Amino acid sequence: MYTYLEKELVIPSKNIIIIIDYIHLKKNCNTEFYANEIKNKKIINLAPKEEKSVIITDNEIYFTSYALSTLMSRSNEYLRISGGSNSNE
């Protein structure tokens, strides 16, 4: 399964570690987690000054202007159309 992020960028869903709302990333309880994640990952901001969601994968951190609910809806729509299951195969 693949997840469309933004600007014609599609990534394998199996590489996604977490999708989080951008506002939650900046909260104190997540600063240590974020600091550890950015040490060895490439940051790709697809929506400068319009960030709504953060997608952390094995090797990258993506910022997108789409809300978390939109990203989840797109994944579910892909599953419905393809007749696939909800696994990260």
PDB file of N, CA and C in Angstrom:
ATOM      1  N   MET A   1       0.842  -1.172   0.000  1.00  0.00           N
ATOM      2  CA  MET A   1       0.000   0.000   0.000  1.00  0.00           C
ATOM      3  C   MET A   1       0.888   1.237   0.000  1.00  0.00           C
ATOM      4  N   TYR A   2       0.406   2.300  -0.605  1.00  0.00           N
ATOM      5  CA  TYR A   2       1.138   3.552  -0.687  1.00  0.00           C
ATOM      6  C   TYR A   2       0.293   4.676  -0.106  1.00  0.00           C
ATOM      7  N   THR A   3       0.960   5.716   0.339  1.00  0.00           N
ATOM      8  CA  THR A   3       0.279   6.883   0.883  1.00  0.00           C
ATOM      9  C   THR A   3       0.715   8.110   0.100  1.00  0.00           C
ATOM     10  N   TYR A   4      -0.263   8.834  -0.444  1.00  0.00           N
ATOM     11  CA  TYR A   4       0.011  10.084  -1.147  1.00  0.00           C
ATOM     12  C   TYR A   4       0.182  11.180  -0.110  1.00  0.00           C
ATOM     13  N   LEU A   5       1.303  11.909  -0.196  1.00  0.00           N
ATOM     14  CA  LEU A   5       1.552  12.974   0.767  1.00  0.00           C
ATOM     15  C   LEU A   5       1.173  14.336   0.218  1.00  0.00           C
ATOM     16  N   GLU A   6       1.830  14.732  -0.865  1.00  0.00           N
ATOM     17  CA  GLU A   6       1.607  16.060  -1.430  1.00  0.00           C
ATOM     18  C   GLU A   6       2.565  16.240  -2.600  1.00  0.00           C
ATOM     19  N   LYS A   7       2.227  17.138  -3.523  1.00  0.00           N
ATOM     20  CA  LYS A   7       3.109  17.479  -4.645  1.00  0.00           C
ATOM     21  C   LYS A   7       3.589  16.241  -5.400  1.00  0.00           C
ATOM     22  N   GLU A   8       2.670  15.370  -5.733  1.00  0.00           N
ATOM     23  CA  GLU A   8       2.966  14.163  -6.508  1.00  0.00           C
ATOM     24  C   GLU A   8       3.882  13.175  -5.790  1.00  0.00           C
ATOM     25  N   LEU A   9       4.025  13.300  -4.481  1.00  0.00           N
ATOM     26  CA  LEU A   9       4.890  12.403  -3.716  1.00  0.00           C
ATOM     27  C   LEU A   9       4.068  11.294  -3.079  1.00  0.00           C
ATOM     28  N   VAL A  10       4.445  10.066  -3.386  1.00  0.00           N
ATOM     29  CA  VAL A  10       3.802   8.879  -2.846  1.00  0.00           C
ATOM     30  C   VAL A  10       4.890   8.037  -2.187  1.00  0.00           C
ATOM     31  N   ILE A  11       4.606   7.543  -0.973  1.00  0.00           N
ATOM     32  CA  ILE A  11       5.595   6.725  -0.271  1.00  0.00           C
ATOM     33  C   ILE A  11       4.968   5.396   0.138  1.00  0.00           C
ATOM     34  N   PRO A  12       5.781   4.348   0.269  1.00  0.00           N
ATOM     35  CA  PRO A  12       5.242   3.067   0.746  1.00  0.00           C
ATOM     36  C   PRO A  12       4.755   3.196   2.187  1.00  0.00           C
ATOM     37  N   SER A  13       3.553   2.770   2.433  1.00  0.00           N
ATOM     38  CA  SER A  13       2.977   2.866   3.779  1.00  0.00           C
ATOM     39  C   SER A  13       3.767   2.053   4.793  1.00  0.00           C
ATOM     40  N   LYS A  14       4.399   0.975   4.344  1.00  0.00           N
ATOM     41  CA  LYS A  14       5.157   0.131   5.269  1.00  0.00           C
ATOM     42  C   LYS A  14       6.361   0.859   5.862  1.00  0.00           C
ATOM     43  N   ASN A  15       6.794   1.955   5.238  1.00  0.00           N
ATOM     44  CA  ASN A  15       7.932   2.731   5.757  1.00  0.00           C
ATOM     45  C   ASN A  15       7.523   3.745   6.820  1.00  0.00           C
ATOM     46  N   ILE A  16       6.230   3.978   6.974  1.00  0.00           N
ATOM     47  CA  ILE A  16       5.752   4.985   7.919  1.00  0.00           C
ATOM     48  C   ILE A  16       5.836   4.449   9.341  1.00  0.00           C
ATOM     49  N   ILE A  17       6.502   5.224  10.187  1.00  0.00           N
ATOM     50  CA  ILE A  17       6.598   4.884  11.606  1.00  0.00           C
ATOM     51  C   ILE A  17       5.436   5.510  12.363  1.00  0.00           C
ATOM     52  N   ILE A  18       5.177   6.792  12.067  1.00  0.00           N
ATOM     53  CA  ILE A  18       4.098   7.512  12.754  1.00  0.00           C
ATOM     54  C   ILE A  18       3.662   8.702  11.901  1.00  0.00           C
ATOM     55  N   ILE A  19       2.379   9.027  12.004  1.00  0.00           N
ATOM     56  CA  ILE A  19       1.843  10.272  11.450  1.00  0.00           C
ATOM     57  C   ILE A  19       1.263  11.029  12.631  1.00  0.00           C
ATOM     58  N   ILE A  20       1.667  12.271  12.779  1.00  0.00           N
ATOM     59  CA  ILE A  20       1.255  13.061  13.940  1.00  0.00           C
ATOM     60  C   ILE A  20       0.861  14.464  13.483  1.00  0.00           C
ATOM     61  N   ASP A  21      -0.095  15.048  14.186  1.00  0.00           N
ATOM     62  CA  ASP A  21      -0.450  16.442  13.919  1.00  0.00           C
ATOM     63  C   ASP A  21       0.746  17.329  14.239  1.00  0.00           C
ATOM     64  N   TYR A  22       0.993  18.292  13.389  1.00  0.00           N
ATOM     65  CA  TYR A  22       2.134  19.189  13.553  1.00  0.00           C
ATOM     66  C   TYR A  22       2.115  19.892  14.910  1.00  0.00           C
ATOM     67  N   ILE A  23       0.946  20.307  15.369  1.00  0.00           N
ATOM     68  CA  ILE A  23       0.875  21.027  16.648  1.00  0.00           C
ATOM     69  C   ILE A  23       1.311  20.152  17.815  1.00  0.00           C
ATOM     70  N   HIS A  24       1.097  18.844  17.707  1.00  0.00           N
ATOM     71  CA  HIS A  24       1.511  17.932  18.778  1.00  0.00           C
ATOM     72  C   HIS A  24       3.016  17.706  18.787  1.00  0.00           C
ATOM     73  N   LEU A  25       3.639  17.842  17.634  1.00  0.00           N
ATOM     74  CA  LEU A  25       5.089  17.656  17.552  1.00  0.00           C
ATOM     75  C   LEU A  25       5.821  18.709  18.367  1.00  0.00           C
ATOM     76  N   LYS A  26       5.257  19.882  18.456  1.00  0.00           N
ATOM     77  CA  LYS A  26       5.900  20.995  19.152  1.00  0.00           C
ATOM     78  C   LYS A  26       5.639  21.009  20.657  1.00  0.00           C
ATOM     79  N   LYS A  27       4.815  20.106  21.143  1.00  0.00           N
ATOM     80  CA  LYS A  27       4.531  20.060  22.585  1.00  0.00           C
ATOM     81  C   LYS A  27       5.738  19.524  23.340  1.00  0.00           C
ATOM     82  N   ASN A  28       5.881  19.958  24.579  1.00  0.00           N
ATOM     83  CA  ASN A  28       7.029  19.578  25.403  1.00  0.00           C
ATOM     84  C   ASN A  28       7.222  18.071  25.513  1.00  0.00           C
ATOM     85  N   CYS A  29       6.143  17.327  25.591  1.00  0.00           N
ATOM     86  CA  CYS A  29       6.262  15.875  25.763  1.00  0.00           C
ATOM     87  C   CYS A  29       6.850  15.185  24.532  1.00  0.00           C
ATOM     88  N   ASN A  30       6.879  15.855  23.393  1.00  0.00           N
ATOM     89  CA  ASN A  30       7.396  15.250  22.165  1.00  0.00           C
ATOM     90  C   ASN A  30       8.736  15.813  21.712  1.00  0.00           C
ATOM     91  N   THR A  31       9.259  16.819  22.387  1.00  0.00           N
ATOM     92  CA  THR A  31      10.493  17.453  21.913  1.00  0.00           C
ATOM     93  C   THR A  31      11.683  16.499  21.927  1.00  0.00           C
ATOM     94  N   GLU A  32      11.785  15.660  22.932  1.00  0.00           N
ATOM     95  CA  GLU A  32      12.899  14.711  22.983  1.00  0.00           C
ATOM     96  C   GLU A  32      12.783  13.682  21.852  1.00  0.00           C
ATOM     97  N   PHE A  33      11.569  13.194  21.627  1.00  0.00           N
ATOM     98  CA  PHE A  33      11.333  12.245  20.540  1.00  0.00           C
ATOM     99  C   PHE A  33      11.734  12.863  19.204  1.00  0.00           C
ATOM    100  N   TYR A  34      11.282  14.087  18.945  1.00  0.00           N
ATOM    101  CA  TYR A  34      11.582  14.764  17.684  1.00  0.00           C
ATOM    102  C   TYR A  34      13.079  15.009  17.544  1.00  0.00           C
ATOM    103  N   ALA A  35      13.723  15.439  18.610  1.00  0.00           N
ATOM    104  CA  ALA A  35      15.168  15.690  18.573  1.00  0.00           C
ATOM    105  C   ALA A  35      15.930  14.419  18.200  1.00  0.00           C
ATOM    106  N   ASN A  36      15.509  13.290  18.718  1.00  0.00           N
ATOM    107  CA  ASN A  36      16.156  12.017  18.380  1.00  0.00           C
ATOM    108  C   ASN A  36      15.894  11.610  16.935  1.00  0.00           C
ATOM    109  N   GLU A  37      14.698  11.869  16.451  1.00  0.00           N
ATOM    110  CA  GLU A  37      14.340  11.479  15.088  1.00  0.00           C
ATOM    111  C   GLU A  37      15.098  12.287  14.034  1.00  0.00           C
ATOM    112  N   ILE A  38      15.313  13.571  14.271  1.00  0.00           N
ATOM    113  CA  ILE A  38      15.943  14.406  13.242  1.00  0.00           C
ATOM    114  C   ILE A  38      17.451  14.202  13.133  1.00  0.00           C
ATOM    115  N   LYS A  39      18.036  13.497  14.064  1.00  0.00           N
ATOM    116  CA  LYS A  39      19.489  13.297  14.042  1.00  0.00           C
ATOM    117  C   LYS A  39      19.968  12.596  12.776  1.00  0.00           C
ATOM    118  N   ASN A  40      19.264  11.589  12.336  1.00  0.00           N
ATOM    119  CA  ASN A  40      19.725  10.769  11.215  1.00  0.00           C
ATOM    120  C   ASN A  40      18.730  10.689  10.061  1.00  0.00           C
ATOM    121  N   LYS A  41      17.797  11.621  10.009  1.00  0.00           N
ATOM    122  CA  LYS A  41      16.784  11.562   8.960  1.00  0.00           C
ATOM    123  C   LYS A  41      16.769  12.846   8.142  1.00  0.00           C
ATOM    124  N   LYS A  42      16.437  12.691   6.892  1.00  0.00           N
ATOM    125  CA  LYS A  42      16.311  13.826   5.988  1.00  0.00           C
ATOM    126  C   LYS A  42      14.955  14.486   6.222  1.00  0.00           C
ATOM    127  N   ILE A  43      14.944  15.804   6.334  1.00  0.00           N
ATOM    128  CA  ILE A  43      13.695  16.546   6.530  1.00  0.00           C
ATOM    129  C   ILE A  43      13.233  17.089   5.183  1.00  0.00           C
ATOM    130  N   ILE A  44      11.983  16.772   4.843  1.00  0.00           N
ATOM    131  CA  ILE A  44      11.394  17.211   3.586  1.00  0.00           C
ATOM    132  C   ILE A  44      10.116  17.970   3.909  1.00  0.00           C
ATOM    133  N   ASN A  45      10.161  19.281   3.756  1.00  0.00           N
ATOM    134  CA  ASN A  45       8.997  20.114   4.049  1.00  0.00           C
ATOM    135  C   ASN A  45       8.251  20.391   2.749  1.00  0.00           C
ATOM    136  N   LEU A  46       7.120  19.744   2.584  1.00  0.00           N
ATOM    137  CA  LEU A  46       6.302  19.889   1.388  1.00  0.00           C
ATOM    138  C   LEU A  46       5.330  21.058   1.484  1.00  0.00           C
ATOM    139  N   ALA A  47       5.277  21.711   2.637  1.00  0.00           N
ATOM    140  CA  ALA A  47       4.307  22.789   2.854  1.00  0.00           C
ATOM    141  C   ALA A  47       4.871  23.855   3.792  1.00  0.00           C
ATOM    142  N   PRO A  48       5.915  24.550   3.376  1.00  0.00           N
ATOM    143  CA  PRO A  48       6.488  25.572   4.261  1.00  0.00           C
ATOM    144  C   PRO A  48       5.427  26.571   4.739  1.00  0.00           C
ATOM    145  N   LYS A  49       5.402  26.799   6.023  1.00  0.00           N
ATOM    146  CA  LYS A  49       4.488  27.732   6.697  1.00  0.00           C
ATOM    147  C   LYS A  49       3.024  27.295   6.655  1.00  0.00           C
ATOM    148  N   GLU A  50       2.756  26.076   6.186  1.00  0.00           N
ATOM    149  CA  GLU A  50       1.386  25.548   6.137  1.00  0.00           C
ATOM    150  C   GLU A  50       1.320  24.133   6.710  1.00  0.00           C
ATOM    151  N   GLU A  51       2.274  23.759   7.542  1.00  0.00           N
ATOM    152  CA  GLU A  51       2.362  22.402   8.060  1.00  0.00           C
ATOM    153  C   GLU A  51       1.159  22.045   8.927  1.00  0.00           C
ATOM    154  N   LYS A  52       0.580  20.874   8.635  1.00  0.00           N
ATOM    155  CA  LYS A  52      -0.521  20.351   9.448  1.00  0.00           C
ATOM    156  C   LYS A  52      -0.205  18.965   9.990  1.00  0.00           C
ATOM    157  N   SER A  53       0.539  18.180   9.211  1.00  0.00           N
ATOM    158  CA  SER A  53       0.882  16.822   9.632  1.00  0.00           C
ATOM    159  C   SER A  53       2.362  16.551   9.427  1.00  0.00           C
ATOM    160  N   VAL A  54       2.867  15.626  10.240  1.00  0.00           N
ATOM    161  CA  VAL A  54       4.253  15.193  10.145  1.00  0.00           C
ATOM    162  C   VAL A  54       4.243  13.681   9.956  1.00  0.00           C
ATOM    163  N   ILE A  55       4.931  13.223   8.916  1.00  0.00           N
ATOM    164  CA  ILE A  55       5.021  11.801   8.629  1.00  0.00           C
ATOM    165  C   ILE A  55       6.473  11.395   8.845  1.00  0.00           C
ATOM    166  N   ILE A  56       6.695  10.507   9.793  1.00  0.00           N
ATOM    167  CA  ILE A  56       8.048  10.043  10.084  1.00  0.00           C
ATOM    168  C   ILE A  56       8.191   8.635   9.528  1.00  0.00           C
ATOM    169  N   THR A  57       9.190   8.470   8.659  1.00  0.00           N
ATOM    170  CA  THR A  57       9.464   7.167   8.057  1.00  0.00           C
ATOM    171  C   THR A  57      10.822   6.664   8.538  1.00  0.00           C
ATOM    172  N   ASP A  58      11.251   5.569   7.960  1.00  0.00           N
ATOM    173  CA  ASP A  58      12.538   4.994   8.332  1.00  0.00           C
ATOM    174  C   ASP A  58      13.697   5.964   8.108  1.00  0.00           C
ATOM    175  N   ASN A  59      13.626   6.750   7.024  1.00  0.00           N
ATOM    176  CA  ASN A  59      14.759   7.600   6.652  1.00  0.00           C
ATOM    177  C   ASN A  59      14.446   9.082   6.502  1.00  0.00           C
ATOM    178  N   GLU A  60      13.164   9.449   6.476  1.00  0.00           N
ATOM    179  CA  GLU A  60      12.781  10.840   6.253  1.00  0.00           C
ATOM    180  C   GLU A  60      11.720  11.300   7.247  1.00  0.00           C
ATOM    181  N   ILE A  61      11.628  12.628   7.352  1.00  0.00           N
ATOM    182  CA  ILE A  61      10.536  13.276   8.081  1.00  0.00           C
ATOM    183  C   ILE A  61       9.886  14.237   7.092  1.00  0.00           C
ATOM    184  N   TYR A  62       8.606  14.019   6.814  1.00  0.00           N
ATOM    185  CA  TYR A  62       7.868  14.843   5.863  1.00  0.00           C
ATOM    186  C   TYR A  62       6.905  15.755   6.611  1.00  0.00           C
ATOM    187  N   PHE A  63       6.833  17.003   6.163  1.00  0.00           N
ATOM    188  CA  PHE A  63       5.832  17.945   6.646  1.00  0.00           C
ATOM    189  C   PHE A  63       4.877  18.191   5.485  1.00  0.00           C
ATOM    190  N   THR A  64       3.577  18.079   5.753  1.00  0.00           N
ATOM    191  CA  THR A  64       2.577  18.249   4.703  1.00  0.00           C
ATOM    192  C   THR A  64       1.466  19.189   5.167  1.00  0.00           C
ATOM    193  N   SER A  65       0.782  19.777   4.209  1.00  0.00           N
ATOM    194  CA  SER A  65      -0.312  20.702   4.543  1.00  0.00           C
ATOM    195  C   SER A  65      -1.634  19.969   4.752  1.00  0.00           C
ATOM    196  N   TYR A  66      -1.646  18.659   4.539  1.00  0.00           N
ATOM    197  CA  TYR A  66      -2.874  17.894   4.728  1.00  0.00           C
ATOM    198  C   TYR A  66      -3.041  17.491   6.189  1.00  0.00           C
ATOM    199  N   ALA A  67      -4.263  17.519   6.644  1.00  0.00           N
ATOM    200  CA  ALA A  67      -4.566  17.111   8.016  1.00  0.00           C
ATOM    201  C   ALA A  67      -4.417  15.599   8.148  1.00  0.00           C
ATOM    202  N   LEU A  68      -4.181  15.170   9.354  1.00  0.00           N
ATOM    203  CA  LEU A  68      -4.050  13.743   9.644  1.00  0.00           C
ATOM    204  C   LEU A  68      -5.271  12.971   9.154  1.00  0.00           C
ATOM    205  N   SER A  69      -6.451  13.517   9.382  1.00  0.00           N
ATOM    206  CA  SER A  69      -7.683  12.837   8.957  1.00  0.00           C
ATOM    207  C   SER A  69      -7.738  12.679   7.435  1.00  0.00           C
ATOM    208  N   THR A  70      -7.226  13.647   6.693  1.00  0.00           N
ATOM    209  CA  THR A  70      -7.195  13.563   5.233  1.00  0.00           C
ATOM    210  C   THR A  70      -6.257  12.458   4.775  1.00  0.00           C
ATOM    211  N   LEU A  71      -5.084  12.385   5.382  1.00  0.00           N
ATOM    212  CA  LEU A  71      -4.129  11.333   5.018  1.00  0.00           C
ATOM    213  C   LEU A  71      -4.703   9.945   5.303  1.00  0.00           C
ATOM    214  N   MET A  72      -5.367   9.793   6.439  1.00  0.00           N
ATOM    215  CA  MET A  72      -5.971   8.506   6.787  1.00  0.00           C
ATOM    216  C   MET A  72      -7.111   8.165   5.829  1.00  0.00           C
ATOM    217  N   SER A  73      -7.900   9.157   5.474  1.00  0.00           N
ATOM    218  CA  SER A  73      -9.006   8.947   4.549  1.00  0.00           C
ATOM    219  C   SER A  73      -8.495   8.483   3.187  1.00  0.00           C
ATOM    220  N   ARG A  74      -7.396   9.075   2.725  1.00  0.00           N
ATOM    221  CA  ARG A  74      -6.823   8.676   1.438  1.00  0.00           C
ATOM    222  C   ARG A  74      -6.323   7.242   1.478  1.00  0.00           C
ATOM    223  N   SER A  75      -5.712   6.858   2.571  1.00  0.00           N
ATOM    224  CA  SER A  75      -5.242   5.477   2.705  1.00  0.00           C
ATOM    225  C   SER A  75      -6.419   4.515   2.681  1.00  0.00           C
ATOM    226  N   ASN A  76      -7.482   4.863   3.393  1.00  0.00           N
ATOM    227  CA  ASN A  76      -8.676   4.014   3.421  1.00  0.00           C
ATOM    228  C   ASN A  76      -9.347   3.951   2.052  1.00  0.00           C
ATOM    229  N   GLU A  77      -9.353   5.065   1.318  1.00  0.00           N
ATOM    230  CA  GLU A  77      -9.940   5.091  -0.020  1.00  0.00           C
ATOM    231  C   GLU A  77      -9.147   4.195  -0.960  1.00  0.00           C
ATOM    232  N   TYR A  78      -7.828   4.240  -0.850  1.00  0.00           N
ATOM    233  CA  TYR A  78      -6.987   3.360  -1.666  1.00  0.00           C
ATOM    234  C   TYR A  78      -7.333   1.896  -1.392  1.00  0.00           C
ATOM    235  N   LEU A  79      -7.493   1.561  -0.116  1.00  0.00           N
ATOM    236  CA  LEU A  79      -7.837   0.185   0.249  1.00  0.00           C
ATOM    237  C   LEU A  79      -9.182  -0.221  -0.339  1.00  0.00           C
ATOM    238  N   ARG A  80     -10.146   0.685  -0.271  1.00  0.00           N
ATOM    239  CA  ARG A  80     -11.483   0.386  -0.789  1.00  0.00           C
ATOM    240  C   ARG A  80     -11.438   0.136  -2.292  1.00  0.00           C
ATOM    241  N   ILE A  81     -10.724   0.994  -3.019  1.00  0.00           N
ATOM    242  CA  ILE A  81     -10.650   0.870  -4.476  1.00  0.00           C
ATOM    243  C   ILE A  81      -9.878  -0.378  -4.890  1.00  0.00           C
ATOM    244  N   SER A  82      -8.767  -0.616  -4.220  1.00  0.00           N
ATOM    245  CA  SER A  82      -7.903  -1.739  -4.609  1.00  0.00           C
ATOM    246  C   SER A  82      -8.401  -3.076  -4.081  1.00  0.00           C
ATOM    247  N   GLY A  83      -9.332  -3.040  -3.126  1.00  0.00           N
ATOM    248  CA  GLY A  83      -9.817  -4.277  -2.535  1.00  0.00           C
ATOM    249  C   GLY A  83      -8.808  -4.903  -1.600  1.00  0.00           C
ATOM    250  N   GLY A  84      -7.855  -4.086  -1.153  1.00  0.00           N
ATOM    251  CA  GLY A  84      -6.789  -4.574  -0.283  1.00  0.00           C
ATOM    252  C   GLY A  84      -7.210  -4.650   1.162  1.00  0.00           C
ATOM    253  N   SER A  85      -6.287  -5.115   1.959  1.00  0.00           N
ATOM    254  CA  SER A  85      -6.524  -5.191   3.399  1.00  0.00           C
ATOM    255  C   SER A  85      -5.863  -4.009   4.066  1.00  0.00           C
ATOM    256  N   ASN A  86      -6.058  -3.877   5.350  1.00  0.00           N
ATOM    257  CA  ASN A  86      -5.505  -2.755   6.097  1.00  0.00           C
ATOM    258  C   ASN A  86      -4.156  -3.108   6.719  1.00  0.00           C
ATOM    259  N   SER A  87      -3.347  -3.895   6.015  1.00  0.00           N
ATOM    260  CA  SER A  87      -2.022  -4.252   6.523  1.00  0.00           C
ATOM    261  C   SER A  87      -0.961  -3.486   5.753  1.00  0.00           C
ATOM    262  N   ASN A  88       0.232  -3.440   6.309  1.00  0.00           N
ATOM    263  CA  ASN A  88       1.350  -2.741   5.668  1.00  0.00           C
ATOM    264  C   ASN A  88       2.235  -3.731   4.926  1.00  0.00           C
ATOM    265  N   GLU A  89       1.671  -4.471   4.034  1.00  0.00           N
ATOM    266  CA  GLU A  89       2.428  -5.474   3.283  1.00  0.00           C
ATOM    267  C   GLU A  89       3.256  -4.821   2.216  1.00  0.00           C
TER     268      GLU A  89
END
